[in-house]
Amino acid sequence: MPEIFTIELSDAEVKALHYVAIDADSWIQNAVHERCRMAIEELVADDIKSKLDAGLSISGTKDEMVLTSTLPSAQERHDAIMAQIANGPPGV
């Protein structure tokens, strides 16, 4: 289900963005869509590698592969790193 995100910029940020972009909304849309495209490519590559390593077949569209991915989110990875830091180095 599509989500809508809202961004709030200060007056200085708006002025700075207009310095580098003729159409701020188009620039923001393009930046987000491009980063999502890159993440999709990473997730698909990881999914393909995992399936090949496990001897499984590869099927589905890129979107289907991303939607069924079990790779941890950025928040989950962050939480795991913070837990490791809180627990200190191994053997201490």
N, C-alpha and C. Protein backbone atom coordinates (compact mmCIF):
# COMPACT_ATOMS: atom_id res chain seq x y z
N MET A 1 0.83 -1.17 0.00
CA MET A 1 0.00 0.00 0.00
C MET A 1 0.89 1.24 0.00
N PRO A 2 0.72 2.12 -0.96
CA PRO A 2 1.59 3.31 -1.04
C PRO A 2 1.49 4.17 0.22
N GLU A 3 2.59 4.78 0.57
CA GLU A 3 2.63 5.69 1.71
C GLU A 3 2.96 7.09 1.22
N ILE A 4 2.47 8.06 1.92
CA ILE A 4 2.78 9.46 1.63
C ILE A 4 3.63 9.98 2.76
N PHE A 5 4.74 10.60 2.42
CA PHE A 5 5.63 11.18 3.41
C PHE A 5 5.62 12.70 3.25
N THR A 6 5.72 13.40 4.34
CA THR A 6 5.76 14.85 4.33
C THR A 6 7.12 15.28 4.85
N ILE A 7 7.68 16.29 4.23
CA ILE A 7 8.98 16.79 4.67
C ILE A 7 8.83 18.27 5.01
N GLU A 8 9.47 18.67 6.08
CA GLU A 8 9.44 20.07 6.49
C GLU A 8 10.85 20.62 6.40
N LEU A 9 11.02 21.71 5.66
CA LEU A 9 12.32 22.35 5.50
C LEU A 9 12.28 23.75 6.09
N SER A 10 13.40 24.16 6.64
CA SER A 10 13.50 25.54 7.14
C SER A 10 13.60 26.48 5.94
N ASP A 11 13.44 27.77 6.19
CA ASP A 11 13.57 28.76 5.12
C ASP A 11 14.94 28.67 4.46
N ALA A 12 15.97 28.48 5.27
CA ALA A 12 17.33 28.38 4.74
C ALA A 12 17.49 27.13 3.87
N GLU A 13 16.89 26.02 4.31
CA GLU A 13 16.97 24.78 3.52
C GLU A 13 16.23 24.93 2.20
N VAL A 14 15.08 25.60 2.22
CA VAL A 14 14.33 25.83 0.98
C VAL A 14 15.16 26.67 0.02
N LYS A 15 15.74 27.74 0.54
CA LYS A 15 16.56 28.61 -0.32
C LYS A 15 17.75 27.84 -0.88
N ALA A 16 18.39 27.02 -0.05
CA ALA A 16 19.53 26.23 -0.50
C ALA A 16 19.11 25.21 -1.56
N LEU A 17 17.95 24.58 -1.35
CA LEU A 17 17.47 23.60 -2.33
C LEU A 17 17.17 24.27 -3.66
N HIS A 18 16.60 25.47 -3.62
CA HIS A 18 16.31 26.19 -4.86
C HIS A 18 17.59 26.64 -5.56
N TYR A 19 18.68 26.69 -4.83
CA TYR A 19 19.97 27.01 -5.44
C TYR A 19 20.44 25.87 -6.34
N VAL A 20 20.12 24.63 -5.96
CA VAL A 20 20.60 23.47 -6.72
C VAL A 20 19.52 22.82 -7.58
N ALA A 21 18.26 23.22 -7.40
CA ALA A 21 17.17 22.56 -8.13
C ALA A 21 16.16 23.59 -8.62
N ILE A 22 15.79 23.48 -9.87
CA ILE A 22 14.76 24.36 -10.43
C ILE A 22 13.41 24.03 -9.80
N ASP A 23 13.11 22.75 -9.69
CA ASP A 23 11.84 22.30 -9.12
C ASP A 23 12.16 21.44 -7.90
N ALA A 24 11.99 22.01 -6.71
CA ALA A 24 12.36 21.32 -5.48
C ALA A 24 11.61 20.01 -5.31
N ASP A 25 10.32 20.00 -5.58
CA ASP A 25 9.54 18.77 -5.42
C ASP A 25 10.04 17.67 -6.35
N SER A 26 10.31 18.00 -7.59
CA SER A 26 10.83 17.00 -8.54
C SER A 26 12.18 16.48 -8.09
N TRP A 27 13.02 17.36 -7.57
CA TRP A 27 14.34 16.95 -7.10
C TRP A 27 14.21 15.98 -5.95
N ILE A 28 13.34 16.31 -4.98
CA ILE A 28 13.13 15.45 -3.82
C ILE A 28 12.56 14.11 -4.25
N GLN A 29 11.55 14.13 -5.11
CA GLN A 29 10.94 12.89 -5.61
C GLN A 29 12.00 12.02 -6.29
N ASN A 30 12.81 12.63 -7.15
CA ASN A 30 13.84 11.88 -7.87
C ASN A 30 14.86 11.29 -6.92
N ALA A 31 15.29 12.06 -5.92
CA ALA A 31 16.29 11.57 -4.96
C ALA A 31 15.77 10.35 -4.20
N VAL A 32 14.53 10.42 -3.75
CA VAL A 32 13.96 9.31 -2.98
C VAL A 32 13.75 8.09 -3.87
N HIS A 33 13.19 8.30 -5.06
CA HIS A 33 12.95 7.16 -5.96
C HIS A 33 14.26 6.50 -6.38
N GLU A 34 15.30 7.30 -6.60
CA GLU A 34 16.60 6.73 -6.99
C GLU A 34 17.19 5.91 -5.85
N ARG A 35 17.07 6.41 -4.61
CA ARG A 35 17.61 5.64 -3.47
C ARG A 35 16.84 4.35 -3.27
N CYS A 36 15.53 4.41 -3.49
CA CYS A 36 14.72 3.19 -3.40
C CYS A 36 15.12 2.20 -4.49
N ARG A 37 15.37 2.69 -5.70
CA ARG A 37 15.79 1.82 -6.80
C ARG A 37 17.09 1.11 -6.43
N MET A 38 18.03 1.86 -5.85
CA MET A 38 19.31 1.27 -5.46
C MET A 38 19.11 0.20 -4.38
N ALA A 39 18.24 0.47 -3.41
CA ALA A 39 17.97 -0.50 -2.35
C ALA A 39 17.30 -1.76 -2.92
N ILE A 40 16.40 -1.57 -3.88
CA ILE A 40 15.75 -2.72 -4.53
C ILE A 40 16.80 -3.59 -5.21
N GLU A 41 17.73 -2.97 -5.91
CA GLU A 41 18.80 -3.73 -6.57
C GLU A 41 19.62 -4.51 -5.55
N GLU A 42 19.95 -3.89 -4.41
CA GLU A 42 20.71 -4.57 -3.36
C GLU A 42 19.93 -5.75 -2.79
N LEU A 43 18.65 -5.54 -2.48
CA LEU A 43 17.82 -6.61 -1.92
C LEU A 43 17.66 -7.77 -2.90
N VAL A 44 17.45 -7.46 -4.17
CA VAL A 44 17.28 -8.50 -5.18
C VAL A 44 18.58 -9.30 -5.34
N ALA A 45 19.71 -8.59 -5.38
CA ALA A 45 21.00 -9.29 -5.51
C ALA A 45 21.23 -10.21 -4.31
N ASP A 46 20.93 -9.72 -3.10
CA ASP A 46 21.10 -10.56 -1.90
C ASP A 46 20.15 -11.76 -1.93
N ASP A 47 18.92 -11.54 -2.38
CA ASP A 47 17.95 -12.63 -2.46
C ASP A 47 18.40 -13.68 -3.46
N ILE A 48 18.86 -13.25 -4.61
CA ILE A 48 19.33 -14.18 -5.64
C ILE A 48 20.52 -14.99 -5.11
N LYS A 49 21.49 -14.30 -4.48
CA LYS A 49 22.66 -15.01 -3.93
C LYS A 49 22.24 -16.03 -2.89
N SER A 50 21.35 -15.62 -1.99
CA SER A 50 20.89 -16.54 -0.93
C SER A 50 20.22 -17.77 -1.52
N LYS A 51 19.37 -17.55 -2.52
CA LYS A 51 18.66 -18.68 -3.14
C LYS A 51 19.62 -19.58 -3.89
N LEU A 52 20.56 -19.00 -4.62
CA LEU A 52 21.54 -19.82 -5.34
C LEU A 52 22.40 -20.62 -4.37
N ASP A 53 22.84 -19.98 -3.27
CA ASP A 53 23.64 -20.68 -2.26
C ASP A 53 22.88 -21.85 -1.63
N ALA A 54 21.56 -21.69 -1.52
CA ALA A 54 20.72 -22.73 -0.91
C ALA A 54 20.21 -23.73 -1.94
N GLY A 55 20.56 -23.53 -3.21
CA GLY A 55 20.11 -24.43 -4.26
C GLY A 55 18.64 -24.28 -4.61
N LEU A 56 18.08 -23.12 -4.31
CA LEU A 56 16.66 -22.86 -4.59
C LEU A 56 16.50 -22.19 -5.94
N SER A 57 15.30 -22.28 -6.47
CA SER A 57 15.02 -21.61 -7.75
C SER A 57 14.73 -20.14 -7.49
N ILE A 58 14.93 -19.35 -8.53
CA ILE A 58 14.69 -17.92 -8.45
C ILE A 58 13.47 -17.61 -9.30
N SER A 59 12.50 -16.97 -8.68
CA SER A 59 11.30 -16.62 -9.42
C SER A 59 10.72 -15.34 -8.87
N GLY A 60 9.80 -14.75 -9.62
CA GLY A 60 9.12 -13.54 -9.18
C GLY A 60 9.75 -12.29 -9.75
N THR A 61 9.02 -11.22 -9.62
CA THR A 61 9.51 -9.92 -10.07
C THR A 61 10.39 -9.33 -8.98
N LYS A 62 11.09 -8.25 -9.31
CA LYS A 62 11.91 -7.57 -8.30
C LYS A 62 11.04 -7.12 -7.13
N ASP A 63 9.89 -6.55 -7.44
CA ASP A 63 9.00 -6.09 -6.37
C ASP A 63 8.58 -7.26 -5.47
N GLU A 64 8.26 -8.39 -6.07
CA GLU A 64 7.88 -9.57 -5.27
C GLU A 64 9.04 -10.04 -4.40
N MET A 65 10.24 -10.01 -4.95
CA MET A 65 11.41 -10.43 -4.18
C MET A 65 11.64 -9.50 -2.99
N VAL A 66 11.48 -8.21 -3.21
CA VAL A 66 11.67 -7.24 -2.12
C VAL A 66 10.59 -7.43 -1.06
N LEU A 67 9.36 -7.57 -1.49
CA LEU A 67 8.25 -7.68 -0.54
C LEU A 67 8.32 -8.95 0.30
N THR A 68 8.95 -10.00 -0.21
CA THR A 68 9.07 -11.25 0.55
C THR A 68 10.43 -11.40 1.22
N SER A 69 11.28 -10.38 1.09
CA SER A 69 12.61 -10.44 1.68
C SER A 69 12.53 -10.53 3.20
N THR A 70 13.42 -11.32 3.76
CA THR A 70 13.49 -11.45 5.22
C THR A 70 14.73 -10.76 5.78
N LEU A 71 15.42 -9.99 4.94
CA LEU A 71 16.59 -9.28 5.42
C LEU A 71 16.17 -8.23 6.45
N PRO A 72 17.00 -7.99 7.47
CA PRO A 72 16.64 -7.04 8.51
C PRO A 72 16.58 -5.60 7.97
N SER A 73 15.67 -4.84 8.54
CA SER A 73 15.54 -3.42 8.16
C SER A 73 16.70 -2.63 8.75
N ALA A 74 16.84 -1.38 8.33
CA ALA A 74 17.87 -0.50 8.89
C ALA A 74 17.68 -0.37 10.40
N GLN A 75 16.43 -0.27 10.86
CA GLN A 75 16.16 -0.15 12.29
C GLN A 75 16.60 -1.41 13.04
N GLU A 76 16.30 -2.57 12.46
CA GLU A 76 16.70 -3.84 13.09
C GLU A 76 18.23 -3.96 13.15
N ARG A 77 18.92 -3.57 12.07
CA ARG A 77 20.38 -3.61 12.07
C ARG A 77 20.95 -2.64 13.10
N HIS A 78 20.37 -1.45 13.18
CA HIS A 78 20.81 -0.44 14.15
C HIS A 78 20.63 -0.97 15.58
N ASP A 79 19.46 -1.54 15.85
CA ASP A 79 19.19 -2.07 17.19
C ASP A 79 20.18 -3.17 17.56
N ALA A 80 20.52 -4.03 16.62
CA ALA A 80 21.48 -5.12 16.89
C ALA A 80 22.86 -4.56 17.20
N ILE A 81 23.28 -3.54 16.46
CA ILE A 81 24.59 -2.92 16.70
C ILE A 81 24.60 -2.24 18.07
N MET A 82 23.53 -1.54 18.40
CA MET A 82 23.46 -0.86 19.69
C MET A 82 23.47 -1.88 20.84
N ALA A 83 22.82 -3.01 20.65
CA ALA A 83 22.82 -4.06 21.67
C ALA A 83 24.23 -4.61 21.86
N GLN A 84 24.96 -4.79 20.76
CA GLN A 84 26.35 -5.27 20.85
C GLN A 84 27.21 -4.28 21.60
N ILE A 85 27.01 -2.99 21.31
CA ILE A 85 27.79 -1.95 21.98
C ILE A 85 27.47 -1.94 23.47
N ALA A 86 26.20 -2.04 23.80
CA ALA A 86 25.77 -2.03 25.21
C ALA A 86 26.31 -3.22 25.98
N ASN A 87 26.47 -4.36 25.31
CA ASN A 87 26.95 -5.57 25.97
C ASN A 87 28.47 -5.61 26.05
N GLY A 88 29.14 -4.69 25.39
CA GLY A 88 30.59 -4.63 25.43
C GLY A 88 31.24 -5.67 24.54
N PRO A 89 32.55 -5.62 24.43
CA PRO A 89 33.27 -6.58 23.59
C PRO A 89 33.11 -8.00 24.11
N PRO A 90 33.14 -8.99 23.22
CA PRO A 90 33.03 -10.39 23.66
C PRO A 90 34.15 -10.76 24.64
N GLY A 91 33.79 -11.54 25.63
CA GLY A 91 34.79 -12.02 26.57
C GLY A 91 35.14 -11.07 27.69
N VAL A 92 34.44 -9.96 27.77
CA VAL A 92 34.77 -8.99 28.83
C VAL A 92 33.81 -9.15 29.98
